[in-house]
Amino acid sequence: MWLHVRGFIGATYELGQCYEHGLGVEQNKERAEYYYSIAAKCGHIHARTRLTLMQPGPYTEELATLAEQRVPFGDTYSAFELYRYYRESHLSKAIRFLKKAAQDRHVSAMICLALHYKLGIGVRKQIAQYAEWMQKAADNGNAYALYELTQGYYMQNESEESCKIHIDLLAKAANNGDCVAQYDMAQGHDIAFNWFGYDYFGDCRYEDFEECLLASAKNGYLPAMCELGEEYRGERYFDKSPKSAKYWIEKAATAGYPKAQFELATMYESGNCVRTNEKLAFRYYKMAADNNYADAQYPTAQYFDEGIPGALEPDRQQYLHYLQKAAENDIHEAQLELSELYEGSDLLERNDELVIKWLKAAADGAFPVPLAQFNLGIEYRDGVHTPADQKKAFKYLKLAADNHCEDAYCNLGAMYRRGAGTQVNYKKALYYFQKATCEFTIAHVGCMLLRGYGVKRDIPKALEHLQKAAKLNEPHALYHLGECYENGWGLECNRRKAINCYRKAVKFDKDYDDAKEALKRLTEK
């Protein structure tokens, strides 16, 4: 599903198979047809075959009764149609008619029987029988059967011998004009050593990546058209050809392929191979977004949020609509933004549960957003939208820091220093404080050097840090500088300057209790 909403048509086809056969999900014919239809519209010829085979037969109960009388006389058409008629209501009976049709050389029956053996539906699962019947269908010139065999050999056994059989079959399918096989061969040329472990392509007539991709594109496979256009942008293997890049990507986009619509939008937005045109960029982003292309939904939301001068007025409701769609499709930036809106905004009422839900989605996702990890850590530390949990706060701040979130360094250092959610560790606290650059962390480093926490006490160096942060009115630095004036640590004792530092610390942090007590102590003397 993750790949499907990002335009990988092979994944869309696989989703159809999952729903058709109940693999990993509840069997659902309508959902299977939905995904097969999307793949078929993009030129996936085998999805078209699956759609055809899934359609109900033409028989009524009366016609079925008449057809059963013809089967013993070798009527393979009737036998196969009786299989289609009975497969939903009486599977064992349907299988008997299917076997009869397959044995009498009905190619579609051979394919269906092979798949029953592969999946163990209505018969005992037997991969050898699957391969035998699919091979018979392939020998009769069926393109779907030949391609299905290639997948069978690759998926069932990854030995070198099986991989070579897989490639030989794929090459044969490609040579016979199978656009999906041609595309797969292109991928094989692209990542040969990673995919197969060796550079072997059988007797494929297309000698390299470009030839395979071009053959697939010319045969109407939209993913191949789009990828061919991307290559002509000069980003990897091909010499840059702006005209060819625009031609192939625009052709796929016009035919309704959402990934191509997205790629064309990025080209118009950045001026890559075309003149920059924000109106066209927005048009194609929205087109792809409306076709449920996940990566296009967040940019579409941003366009509705900001508008285009003279062309598009900001529309906050449309912004929210596309932002929610992007978040639901696991676009982490959208999830982070949606969590902020649920804190209370002009679009959404405050909802603490949804703030945390979307923050966790962005922080725990496949490609987590460091800022989301940081924000979630602060939520668990302070308990604003969820009960405080110092261990969880430490976990997410540590993740954010490991992902180079600048804001997390200082907060993580403070947790190590206080022992909040973890054991006190002054050395690690100092390490993270030194990685950060804000005035707050400069003050912490100064304090640790002043007290000798996790490091040898160094008052001159501590004063250097504290005075630097105090100039920026950082309350902690002002407080510790006041201590130095009060106690004569590296500075001449000066009660008046100490009071002034404490007073400033309270001014810039009215809840700073230590500074308040120190001010009270000195002013009462």
Protein backbone atom coordinates (compact mmCIF):
# COMPACT_ATOMS: atom_id res chain seq x y z
CA MET A 1 0.00 0.00 0.00
CA TRP A 2 2.86 2.35 0.87
CA LEU A 3 4.35 1.77 -2.59
CA HIS A 4 0.96 1.96 -4.33
CA VAL A 5 0.23 5.50 -3.14
CA ARG A 6 3.66 6.48 -4.41
CA GLY A 7 2.94 5.34 -7.95
CA PHE A 8 4.58 1.91 -8.08
CA ILE A 9 2.21 0.10 -10.43
CA GLY A 10 3.78 -3.28 -9.72
CA ALA A 11 2.65 -2.81 -6.10
CA THR A 12 -0.83 -1.80 -7.28
CA TYR A 13 -1.04 -5.07 -9.23
CA GLU A 14 0.16 -7.04 -6.20
CA LEU A 15 -2.53 -5.37 -4.06
CA GLY A 16 -5.10 -6.64 -6.55
CA GLN A 17 -3.74 -10.16 -6.10
CA CYS A 18 -3.82 -9.82 -2.31
CA TYR A 19 -7.49 -8.85 -2.32
CA GLU A 20 -8.45 -11.35 -5.03
CA HIS A 21 -7.00 -14.30 -3.14
CA GLY A 22 -7.22 -13.08 0.47
CA LEU A 23 -3.46 -12.90 1.01
CA GLY A 24 -2.77 -10.91 4.16
CA VAL A 25 -6.17 -9.22 3.94
CA GLU A 26 -9.78 -10.34 3.86
CA GLN A 27 -10.73 -11.51 0.38
CA ASN A 28 -12.58 -8.72 -1.42
CA LYS A 29 -13.42 -8.97 -5.11
CA GLU A 30 -14.41 -5.30 -5.44
CA ARG A 31 -11.11 -4.08 -3.95
CA ALA A 32 -9.17 -6.49 -6.18
CA GLU A 33 -10.93 -5.15 -9.27
CA TYR A 34 -10.27 -1.58 -8.10
CA TYR A 35 -6.50 -2.10 -7.90
CA TYR A 36 -6.34 -4.18 -11.07
CA SER A 37 -8.25 -1.41 -12.89
CA ILE A 38 -5.72 1.22 -11.81
CA ALA A 39 -2.81 -0.97 -12.93
CA ALA A 40 -4.57 -1.80 -16.22
CA LYS A 41 -5.12 1.89 -17.01
CA CYS A 42 -1.38 2.37 -16.65
CA GLY A 43 -0.71 -0.32 -19.27
CA HIS A 44 -0.11 -3.32 -16.99
CA ILE A 45 -1.28 -6.00 -19.44
CA HIS A 46 -1.41 -8.73 -16.81
CA ALA A 47 -3.77 -6.70 -14.66
CA ARG A 48 -6.09 -6.63 -17.68
CA THR A 49 -5.90 -10.42 -17.85
CA ARG A 50 -6.76 -10.74 -14.16
CA LEU A 51 -9.74 -8.42 -14.62
CA THR A 52 -10.99 -10.54 -17.52
CA LEU A 53 -10.61 -13.79 -15.60
CA MET A 54 -12.40 -12.34 -12.56
CA GLN A 55 -15.51 -11.37 -14.47
CA PRO A 56 -18.58 -13.53 -13.80
CA GLY A 57 -19.51 -15.96 -16.55
CA PRO A 58 -22.55 -15.47 -18.80
CA TYR A 59 -24.49 -18.46 -17.46
CA THR A 60 -27.79 -18.44 -15.64
CA GLU A 61 -28.97 -21.50 -13.70
CA GLU A 62 -30.88 -22.72 -16.75
CA LEU A 63 -27.91 -22.23 -19.11
CA ALA A 64 -25.60 -23.96 -16.63
CA THR A 65 -27.84 -27.02 -16.58
CA LEU A 66 -27.76 -27.19 -20.37
CA ALA A 67 -23.99 -26.62 -20.45
CA GLU A 68 -23.33 -29.53 -18.07
CA GLN A 69 -24.86 -31.83 -20.66
CA ARG A 70 -22.37 -30.66 -23.29
CA VAL A 71 -19.18 -31.04 -21.20
CA PRO A 72 -18.88 -34.85 -21.61
CA PHE A 73 -18.76 -34.30 -25.37
CA GLY A 74 -15.60 -32.17 -25.15
CA ASP A 75 -17.10 -28.67 -24.95
CA THR A 76 -14.18 -26.89 -23.26
CA TYR A 77 -15.89 -23.49 -23.45
CA SER A 78 -18.83 -24.81 -21.44
CA ALA A 79 -16.52 -26.50 -18.91
CA PHE A 80 -14.61 -23.28 -18.25
CA GLU A 81 -17.76 -21.16 -18.01
CA LEU A 82 -19.26 -23.67 -15.58
CA TYR A 83 -16.14 -23.21 -13.43
CA ARG A 84 -16.77 -19.47 -13.41
CA TYR A 85 -20.44 -20.03 -12.64
CA TYR A 86 -19.85 -22.37 -9.68
CA ARG A 87 -16.60 -20.97 -8.17
CA GLU A 88 -18.42 -18.65 -5.74
CA SER A 89 -21.15 -21.08 -4.66
CA HIS A 90 -19.74 -24.60 -5.08
CA LEU A 91 -15.93 -24.55 -5.28
CA SER A 92 -15.31 -28.31 -5.40
CA LYS A 93 -17.75 -28.65 -8.32
CA ALA A 94 -16.15 -25.66 -10.03
CA ILE A 95 -12.68 -27.25 -9.72
CA ARG A 96 -13.92 -30.45 -11.43
CA PHE A 97 -15.09 -28.46 -14.45
CA LEU A 98 -11.86 -26.41 -14.38
CA LYS A 99 -9.69 -29.53 -14.49
CA LYS A 100 -11.77 -30.88 -17.38
CA ALA A 101 -11.34 -27.64 -19.36
CA ALA A 102 -7.58 -27.47 -18.62
CA GLN A 103 -7.04 -31.08 -19.65
CA ASP A 104 -8.84 -30.28 -22.91
CA ARG A 105 -6.30 -27.46 -23.59
CA HIS A 106 -8.40 -24.43 -22.65
CA VAL A 107 -5.61 -21.88 -21.97
CA SER A 108 -7.51 -19.68 -19.47
CA ALA A 109 -8.49 -22.84 -17.58
CA MET A 110 -4.83 -23.87 -17.43
CA ILE A 111 -3.93 -20.50 -15.89
CA CYS A 112 -6.74 -20.62 -13.32
CA LEU A 113 -5.95 -24.20 -12.35
CA ALA A 114 -2.27 -23.32 -11.94
CA LEU A 115 -3.19 -20.46 -9.60
CA HIS A 116 -5.43 -22.74 -7.54
CA TYR A 117 -2.47 -25.08 -7.07
CA LYS A 118 -0.18 -22.16 -6.22
CA LEU A 119 -2.51 -20.79 -3.55
CA GLY A 120 -4.04 -24.02 -2.32
CA ILE A 121 -7.61 -22.83 -2.97
CA GLY A 122 -9.98 -25.72 -3.57
CA VAL A 123 -7.03 -28.09 -4.07
CA ARG A 124 -3.94 -29.09 -2.12
CA LYS A 125 -1.15 -26.55 -2.61
CA GLN A 126 1.36 -28.02 -5.07
CA ILE A 127 3.96 -25.72 -6.61
CA ALA A 128 5.01 -28.41 -9.07
CA GLN A 129 1.45 -28.61 -10.43
CA TYR A 130 1.28 -24.81 -10.54
CA ALA A 131 4.47 -24.69 -12.64
CA GLU A 132 3.32 -27.53 -14.90
CA TRP A 133 -0.05 -25.97 -15.80
CA MET A 134 1.33 -22.47 -16.13
CA GLN A 135 4.04 -23.83 -18.43
CA LYS A 136 1.39 -25.50 -20.59
CA ALA A 137 -0.44 -22.18 -20.91
CA ALA A 138 2.84 -20.42 -21.74
CA ASP A 139 3.63 -23.06 -24.37
CA ASN A 140 0.32 -22.13 -25.96
CA GLY A 141 1.55 -18.57 -26.39
CA ASN A 142 -0.17 -16.95 -23.39
CA ALA A 143 1.72 -13.82 -22.31
CA TYR A 144 0.25 -13.77 -18.81
CA ALA A 145 1.32 -17.36 -18.16
CA LEU A 146 4.85 -16.71 -19.33
CA TYR A 147 5.19 -13.67 -17.08
CA GLU A 148 3.61 -15.47 -14.13
CA LEU A 149 6.20 -18.21 -14.53
CA THR A 150 9.03 -15.71 -14.33
CA GLN A 151 7.71 -14.52 -10.96
CA GLY A 152 7.24 -18.07 -9.76
CA TYR A 153 10.83 -19.04 -10.40
CA TYR A 154 12.23 -15.90 -8.82
CA MET A 155 10.00 -15.97 -5.74
CA GLN A 156 10.12 -19.66 -4.91
CA ASN A 157 13.85 -20.20 -5.11
CA GLU A 158 16.68 -17.69 -5.24
CA SER A 159 19.41 -20.13 -6.24
CA GLU A 160 21.62 -19.18 -9.17
CA GLU A 161 19.98 -21.81 -11.37
CA SER A 162 16.46 -20.55 -10.59
CA CYS A 163 17.52 -16.95 -11.13
CA LYS A 164 18.83 -17.84 -14.58
CA ILE A 165 15.57 -19.61 -15.45
CA HIS A 166 13.71 -16.55 -14.20
CA ILE A 167 15.79 -14.23 -16.39
CA ASP A 168 15.53 -16.49 -19.45
CA LEU A 169 11.73 -16.51 -19.12
CA LEU A 170 11.65 -12.76 -18.53
CA ALA A 171 13.83 -12.22 -21.61
CA LYS A 172 11.50 -14.40 -23.67
CA ALA A 173 8.48 -12.42 -22.46
CA ALA A 174 10.26 -9.16 -23.23
CA ASN A 175 11.19 -10.38 -26.72
CA ASN A 176 7.50 -11.24 -27.28
CA GLY A 177 6.51 -7.63 -26.59
CA ASP A 178 5.40 -7.92 -22.95
CA CYS A 179 5.75 -4.32 -21.74
CA VAL A 180 5.81 -5.33 -18.05
CA ALA A 181 8.57 -7.86 -18.68
CA GLN A 182 10.50 -5.25 -20.68
CA TYR A 183 10.21 -2.84 -17.75
CA ASP A 184 11.38 -5.54 -15.32
CA MET A 185 14.35 -6.28 -17.56
CA ALA A 186 15.20 -2.58 -17.49
CA GLN A 187 15.21 -2.73 -13.69
CA GLY A 188 17.42 -5.78 -13.91
CA HIS A 189 19.94 -3.92 -16.06
CA ASP A 190 19.74 -1.01 -13.61
CA ILE A 191 20.52 -3.00 -10.46
CA ALA A 192 21.98 -6.20 -11.90
CA PHE A 193 24.43 -7.08 -9.18
CA ASN A 194 22.08 -6.20 -6.34
CA TRP A 195 19.08 -8.04 -7.77
CA PHE A 196 20.56 -11.19 -9.34
CA GLY A 197 24.06 -11.17 -7.94
CA TYR A 198 25.59 -11.37 -11.39
CA ASP A 199 25.36 -9.71 -14.77
CA TYR A 200 23.25 -12.22 -16.70
CA PHE A 201 20.36 -11.30 -19.02
CA GLY A 202 19.82 -14.41 -21.11
CA ASP A 203 18.85 -13.91 -24.75
CA CYS A 204 17.08 -10.60 -24.26
CA ARG A 205 17.09 -8.67 -27.53
CA TYR A 206 17.28 -5.40 -25.59
CA GLU A 207 20.91 -5.04 -24.69
CA ASP A 208 20.81 -2.32 -22.04
CA PHE A 209 18.68 -0.34 -19.60
CA GLU A 210 17.68 2.34 -22.12
CA GLU A 211 16.61 -0.13 -24.81
CA CYS A 212 14.44 -2.11 -22.38
CA LEU A 213 12.85 1.02 -20.97
CA LEU A 214 12.23 2.48 -24.41
CA ALA A 215 10.61 -0.76 -25.65
CA SER A 216 8.30 -0.85 -22.63
CA ALA A 217 7.38 2.84 -23.05
CA LYS A 218 6.61 2.39 -26.75
CA ASN A 219 4.36 -0.52 -25.84
CA GLY A 220 2.26 1.75 -23.65
CA TYR A 221 3.50 1.04 -20.12
CA LEU A 222 3.11 4.38 -18.32
CA PRO A 223 5.67 3.73 -15.55
CA ALA A 224 8.28 3.10 -18.26
CA MET A 225 7.36 6.36 -20.03
CA CYS A 226 7.72 8.28 -16.78
CA GLU A 227 11.03 6.68 -15.83
CA LEU A 228 12.38 7.23 -19.34
CA GLY A 229 11.53 10.93 -19.02
CA GLU A 230 13.21 11.08 -15.62
CA GLU A 231 16.36 9.56 -17.08
CA TYR A 232 16.36 12.11 -19.92
CA ARG A 233 16.55 14.84 -17.28
CA GLY A 234 20.20 13.80 -17.05
CA GLU A 235 20.14 12.83 -13.40
CA ARG A 236 21.69 9.35 -13.72
CA TYR A 237 22.68 7.45 -16.85
CA PHE A 238 21.49 9.41 -19.89
CA ASP A 239 22.74 12.63 -21.37
CA LYS A 240 20.35 15.44 -20.56
CA SER A 241 17.64 15.94 -23.19
CA PRO A 242 15.00 18.44 -21.98
CA LYS A 243 12.78 17.86 -25.00
CA SER A 244 12.72 14.08 -24.56
CA ALA A 245 12.26 14.41 -20.79
CA LYS A 246 9.20 16.62 -21.21
CA TYR A 247 7.79 14.49 -24.04
CA TRP A 248 7.77 11.19 -22.16
CA ILE A 249 6.73 12.51 -18.75
CA GLU A 250 4.00 14.68 -20.23
CA LYS A 251 2.74 11.75 -22.32
CA ALA A 252 2.42 9.56 -19.22
CA ALA A 253 0.88 12.41 -17.23
CA THR A 254 -1.71 13.10 -19.92
CA ALA A 255 -2.59 9.38 -19.97
CA GLY A 256 -3.40 9.63 -16.25
CA TYR A 257 -0.29 8.26 -14.51
CA PRO A 258 -0.12 10.15 -11.18
CA LYS A 259 3.64 9.73 -10.65
CA ALA A 260 4.25 11.38 -14.04
CA GLN A 261 1.86 14.19 -13.08
CA PHE A 262 3.88 14.70 -9.90
CA GLU A 263 7.22 14.64 -11.77
CA LEU A 264 5.92 17.16 -14.30
CA ALA A 265 4.77 19.39 -11.44
CA THR A 266 8.26 19.34 -9.88
CA MET A 267 9.76 20.23 -13.27
CA TYR A 268 7.50 23.28 -13.64
CA GLU A 269 8.11 24.30 -10.04
CA SER A 270 11.91 24.12 -10.29
CA GLY A 271 12.36 25.01 -13.97
CA ASN A 272 14.03 21.66 -14.70
CA CYS A 273 13.92 21.02 -18.50
CA VAL A 274 10.98 23.45 -18.82
CA ARG A 275 10.35 27.10 -18.01
CA THR A 276 9.30 27.71 -14.43
CA ASN A 277 5.51 27.97 -14.24
CA GLU A 278 3.82 27.90 -10.82
CA LYS A 279 0.33 27.68 -12.32
CA LEU A 280 1.22 24.50 -14.22
CA ALA A 281 3.13 23.15 -11.22
CA PHE A 282 0.02 23.57 -9.07
CA ARG A 283 -2.21 22.11 -11.79
CA TYR A 284 -0.19 18.89 -12.05
CA TYR A 285 0.38 18.59 -8.28
CA LYS A 286 -3.38 18.80 -7.75
CA MET A 287 -4.02 16.33 -10.58
CA ALA A 288 -1.66 13.80 -9.00
CA ALA A 289 -3.04 14.49 -5.51
CA ASP A 290 -6.59 13.86 -6.69
CA ASN A 291 -5.35 10.55 -8.11
CA ASN A 292 -4.24 9.66 -4.55
CA TYR A 293 -0.53 10.15 -5.24
CA ALA A 294 0.72 10.69 -1.70
CA ASP A 295 3.82 12.80 -2.42
CA ALA A 296 1.73 15.34 -4.37
CA GLN A 297 -0.83 15.95 -1.62
CA TYR A 298 1.44 17.91 0.72
CA PRO A 299 2.71 20.34 -2.00
CA THR A 300 -0.92 20.81 -3.11
CA ALA A 301 -1.84 21.70 0.47
CA GLN A 302 1.01 24.23 0.60
CA TYR A 303 -0.19 25.90 -2.61
CA PHE A 304 -3.69 26.26 -1.17
CA ASP A 305 -2.22 27.63 2.04
CA GLU A 306 0.00 30.24 0.40
CA GLY A 307 -1.76 30.83 -2.92
CA ILE A 308 -0.19 32.00 -6.19
CA PRO A 309 -0.13 35.78 -6.78
CA GLY A 310 -2.60 36.62 -9.53
CA ALA A 311 -3.56 32.98 -10.13
CA LEU A 312 -4.71 31.23 -6.95
CA GLU A 313 -6.28 32.68 -3.82
CA PRO A 314 -5.38 30.98 -0.53
CA ASP A 315 -8.05 28.49 0.53
CA ARG A 316 -7.66 27.24 4.07
CA GLN A 317 -10.33 24.56 3.79
CA GLN A 318 -8.69 23.06 0.69
CA TYR A 319 -5.34 23.34 2.47
CA LEU A 320 -6.72 21.29 5.36
CA HIS A 321 -8.35 18.77 2.99
CA TYR A 322 -5.10 17.94 1.17
CA LEU A 323 -3.04 18.12 4.37
CA GLN A 324 -5.26 15.48 5.97
CA LYS A 325 -5.05 13.26 2.87
CA ALA A 326 -1.25 13.52 2.90
CA ALA A 327 -1.13 12.71 6.62
CA GLU A 328 -3.36 9.67 6.13
CA ASN A 329 -0.99 8.51 3.37
CA ASP A 330 1.95 8.63 5.78
CA ILE A 331 3.57 11.88 4.61
CA HIS A 332 5.39 12.74 7.81
CA GLU A 333 5.73 16.48 7.19
CA ALA A 334 1.94 16.67 6.82
CA GLN A 335 1.45 14.64 10.00
CA LEU A 336 3.68 17.06 11.92
CA GLU A 337 1.81 20.07 10.53
CA LEU A 338 -1.56 18.51 11.30
CA SER A 339 -0.51 17.84 14.89
CA GLU A 340 0.27 21.57 15.27
CA LEU A 341 -3.18 22.50 13.91
CA TYR A 342 -4.82 20.22 16.48
CA GLU A 343 -3.14 22.21 19.25
CA GLY A 344 -5.85 24.75 18.44
CA SER A 345 -6.05 26.85 15.28
CA ASP A 346 -8.41 28.75 13.01
CA LEU A 347 -9.13 25.43 11.24
CA LEU A 348 -9.34 22.86 14.01
CA GLU A 349 -10.38 22.80 17.65
CA ARG A 350 -7.84 21.61 20.18
CA ASN A 351 -7.71 17.83 20.38
CA ASP A 352 -4.97 16.48 22.64
CA GLU A 353 -5.41 12.88 21.48
CA LEU A 354 -4.94 13.82 17.80
CA VAL A 355 -1.97 16.06 18.59
CA ILE A 356 -0.15 13.03 20.01
CA LYS A 357 -1.49 10.61 17.38
CA TRP A 358 -0.08 12.61 14.45
CA LEU A 359 3.13 13.50 16.27
CA LYS A 360 3.76 9.80 16.93
CA ALA A 361 3.01 8.97 13.29
CA ALA A 362 5.64 11.49 12.13
CA ALA A 363 8.14 10.52 14.84
CA ASP A 364 7.83 6.73 14.49
CA GLY A 365 7.33 6.46 10.71
CA ALA A 366 9.52 4.84 8.07
CA PHE A 367 11.39 8.13 7.53
CA PRO A 368 10.89 9.93 10.87
CA VAL A 369 10.96 13.71 11.11
CA PRO A 370 13.50 14.81 13.76
CA LEU A 371 11.42 17.86 14.66
CA ALA A 372 8.43 15.57 15.33
CA GLN A 373 10.60 13.43 17.61
CA PHE A 374 11.72 16.57 19.41
CA ASN A 375 8.18 17.92 19.79
CA LEU A 376 6.94 14.56 21.06
CA GLY A 377 9.78 14.46 23.58
CA ILE A 378 8.79 17.91 24.86
CA GLU A 379 5.13 16.80 25.05
CA TYR A 380 6.06 13.84 27.25
CA ARG A 381 8.42 15.99 29.32
CA ASP A 382 5.96 18.80 30.03
CA GLY A 383 2.66 16.87 29.88
CA VAL A 384 0.75 19.55 27.95
CA HIS A 385 -1.33 17.34 25.61
CA THR A 386 -0.60 13.97 27.21
CA PRO A 387 0.36 12.75 30.70
CA ALA A 388 4.01 13.47 31.48
CA ASP A 389 6.34 10.50 31.04
CA GLN A 390 10.02 11.26 31.54
CA LYS A 391 11.23 7.94 30.11
CA LYS A 392 9.31 8.51 26.87
CA ALA A 393 10.50 12.12 26.84
CA PHE A 394 14.10 10.95 27.07
CA LYS A 395 13.53 8.30 24.35
CA TYR A 396 12.21 10.79 21.77
CA LEU A 397 14.68 13.55 22.62
CA LYS A 398 17.49 11.02 22.22
CA LEU A 399 16.09 9.94 18.82
CA ALA A 400 15.84 13.58 17.73
CA ALA A 401 19.39 14.30 18.86
CA ASP A 402 20.70 11.19 17.05
CA ASN A 403 18.97 12.57 13.94
CA HIS A 404 20.85 15.86 14.33
CA CYS A 405 17.96 17.98 15.64
CA GLU A 406 19.72 21.05 17.02
CA ASP A 407 16.91 21.85 19.47
CA ALA A 408 17.16 18.40 21.04
CA TYR A 409 20.81 18.67 22.13
CA CYS A 410 20.27 21.13 24.95
CA ASN A 411 17.10 19.47 26.26
CA LEU A 412 18.71 16.04 26.19
CA GLY A 413 21.74 17.41 28.01
CA ALA A 414 19.44 18.82 30.70
CA MET A 415 17.78 15.40 31.15
CA TYR A 416 21.17 13.72 31.58
CA ARG A 417 22.17 16.43 34.05
CA ARG A 418 19.01 16.08 36.17
CA GLY A 419 18.61 12.33 35.72
CA ALA A 420 15.14 12.79 34.23
CA GLY A 421 14.01 9.63 32.39
CA THR A 422 17.54 8.27 32.64
CA GLN A 423 20.44 8.03 35.08
CA VAL A 424 22.43 11.16 35.89
CA ASN A 425 25.39 11.32 33.53
CA TYR A 426 27.33 14.57 33.63
CA LYS A 427 29.73 13.55 30.87
CA LYS A 428 26.90 12.88 28.43
CA ALA A 429 25.13 16.04 29.58
CA LEU A 430 28.23 18.08 28.83
CA TYR A 431 28.66 16.31 25.46
CA TYR A 432 25.17 17.32 24.29
CA PHE A 433 25.42 20.82 25.76
CA GLN A 434 28.63 21.37 23.79
CA LYS A 435 26.97 20.18 20.57
CA ALA A 436 24.27 22.85 20.88
CA THR A 437 24.80 26.54 20.15
CA CYS A 438 21.92 28.41 21.86
CA GLU A 439 22.51 30.76 24.81
CA PHE A 440 20.71 28.35 27.15
CA THR A 441 23.23 25.58 26.50
CA ILE A 442 26.17 28.00 26.79
CA ALA A 443 24.88 28.77 30.29
CA HIS A 444 24.67 25.04 31.11
CA VAL A 445 28.24 24.45 29.98
CA GLY A 446 29.34 27.40 32.10
CA CYS A 447 27.51 25.99 35.13
CA MET A 448 29.07 22.53 34.72
CA LEU A 449 32.54 24.01 34.39
CA LEU A 450 31.83 26.19 37.43
CA ARG A 451 30.69 23.24 39.58
CA GLY A 452 32.99 20.62 38.09
CA TYR A 453 30.12 18.41 36.91
CA GLY A 454 31.46 15.76 34.50
CA VAL A 455 34.60 17.78 33.92
CA LYS A 456 37.48 19.26 35.90
CA ARG A 457 36.37 22.51 37.52
CA ASP A 458 37.57 25.45 35.42
CA ILE A 459 36.33 28.79 36.75
CA PRO A 460 37.95 31.10 34.12
CA LYS A 461 36.47 29.04 31.28
CA ALA A 462 33.15 28.84 33.13
CA LEU A 463 33.08 32.64 33.42
CA GLU A 464 33.78 32.95 29.71
CA HIS A 465 30.64 30.92 28.93
CA LEU A 466 28.48 32.55 31.59
CA GLN A 467 29.36 36.09 30.60
CA LYS A 468 28.69 35.31 26.94
CA ALA A 469 25.23 33.92 27.74
CA ALA A 470 24.50 36.70 30.27
CA LYS A 471 24.94 39.31 27.53
CA LEU A 472 22.04 37.55 25.79
CA ASN A 473 19.97 37.83 29.01
CA GLU A 474 19.89 34.06 29.58
CA PRO A 475 18.43 33.68 33.12
CA HIS A 476 20.55 30.68 34.20
CA ALA A 477 23.75 32.40 33.12
CA LEU A 478 22.73 35.55 35.01
CA TYR A 479 22.01 33.51 38.14
CA HIS A 480 25.34 31.65 38.08
CA LEU A 481 27.21 34.86 37.31
CA GLY A 482 25.51 36.34 40.37
CA GLU A 483 26.87 33.40 42.39
CA CYS A 484 30.37 34.21 41.17
CA TYR A 485 30.04 37.85 42.28
CA GLU A 486 28.52 36.81 45.61
CA ASN A 487 31.14 34.16 46.45
CA GLY A 488 34.19 35.60 44.70
CA TRP A 489 34.53 32.69 42.28
CA GLY A 490 36.96 34.05 39.70
CA LEU A 491 35.63 37.59 40.25
CA GLU A 492 36.05 40.14 42.98
CA CYS A 493 33.21 39.86 45.51
CA ASN A 494 30.63 42.49 44.64
CA ARG A 495 27.27 42.33 46.43
CA ARG A 496 25.72 45.07 44.26
CA LYS A 497 26.63 43.26 41.00
CA ALA A 498 25.42 39.95 42.42
CA ILE A 499 22.03 41.51 43.28
CA ASN A 500 21.84 43.02 39.82
CA CYS A 501 22.47 39.62 38.18
CA TYR A 502 19.85 37.89 40.35
CA ARG A 503 17.35 40.68 39.66
CA LYS A 504 17.86 40.28 35.87
CA ALA A 505 17.51 36.51 36.13
CA VAL A 506 14.11 36.96 37.81
CA LYS A 507 13.12 39.61 35.28
CA PHE A 508 13.70 37.25 32.34
CA ASP A 509 12.28 34.18 34.13
CA LYS A 510 9.62 35.06 36.68
CA ASP A 511 9.40 31.42 37.84
CA TYR A 512 13.11 31.08 38.59
CA ASP A 513 12.87 30.17 42.29
CA ASP A 514 16.62 29.86 42.97
CA ALA A 515 17.19 33.38 41.66
CA LYS A 516 14.28 34.71 43.73
CA GLU A 517 15.68 33.16 46.94
CA ALA A 518 19.17 34.49 46.24
CA LEU A 519 17.78 37.99 45.60
CA LYS A 520 15.72 37.86 48.78
CA ARG A 521 18.73 36.66 50.82
CA LEU A 522 21.00 39.48 49.67
CA THR A 523 18.46 42.31 49.77
CA GLU A 524 17.40 41.44 53.34
CA LYS A 525 20.96 41.67 54.66
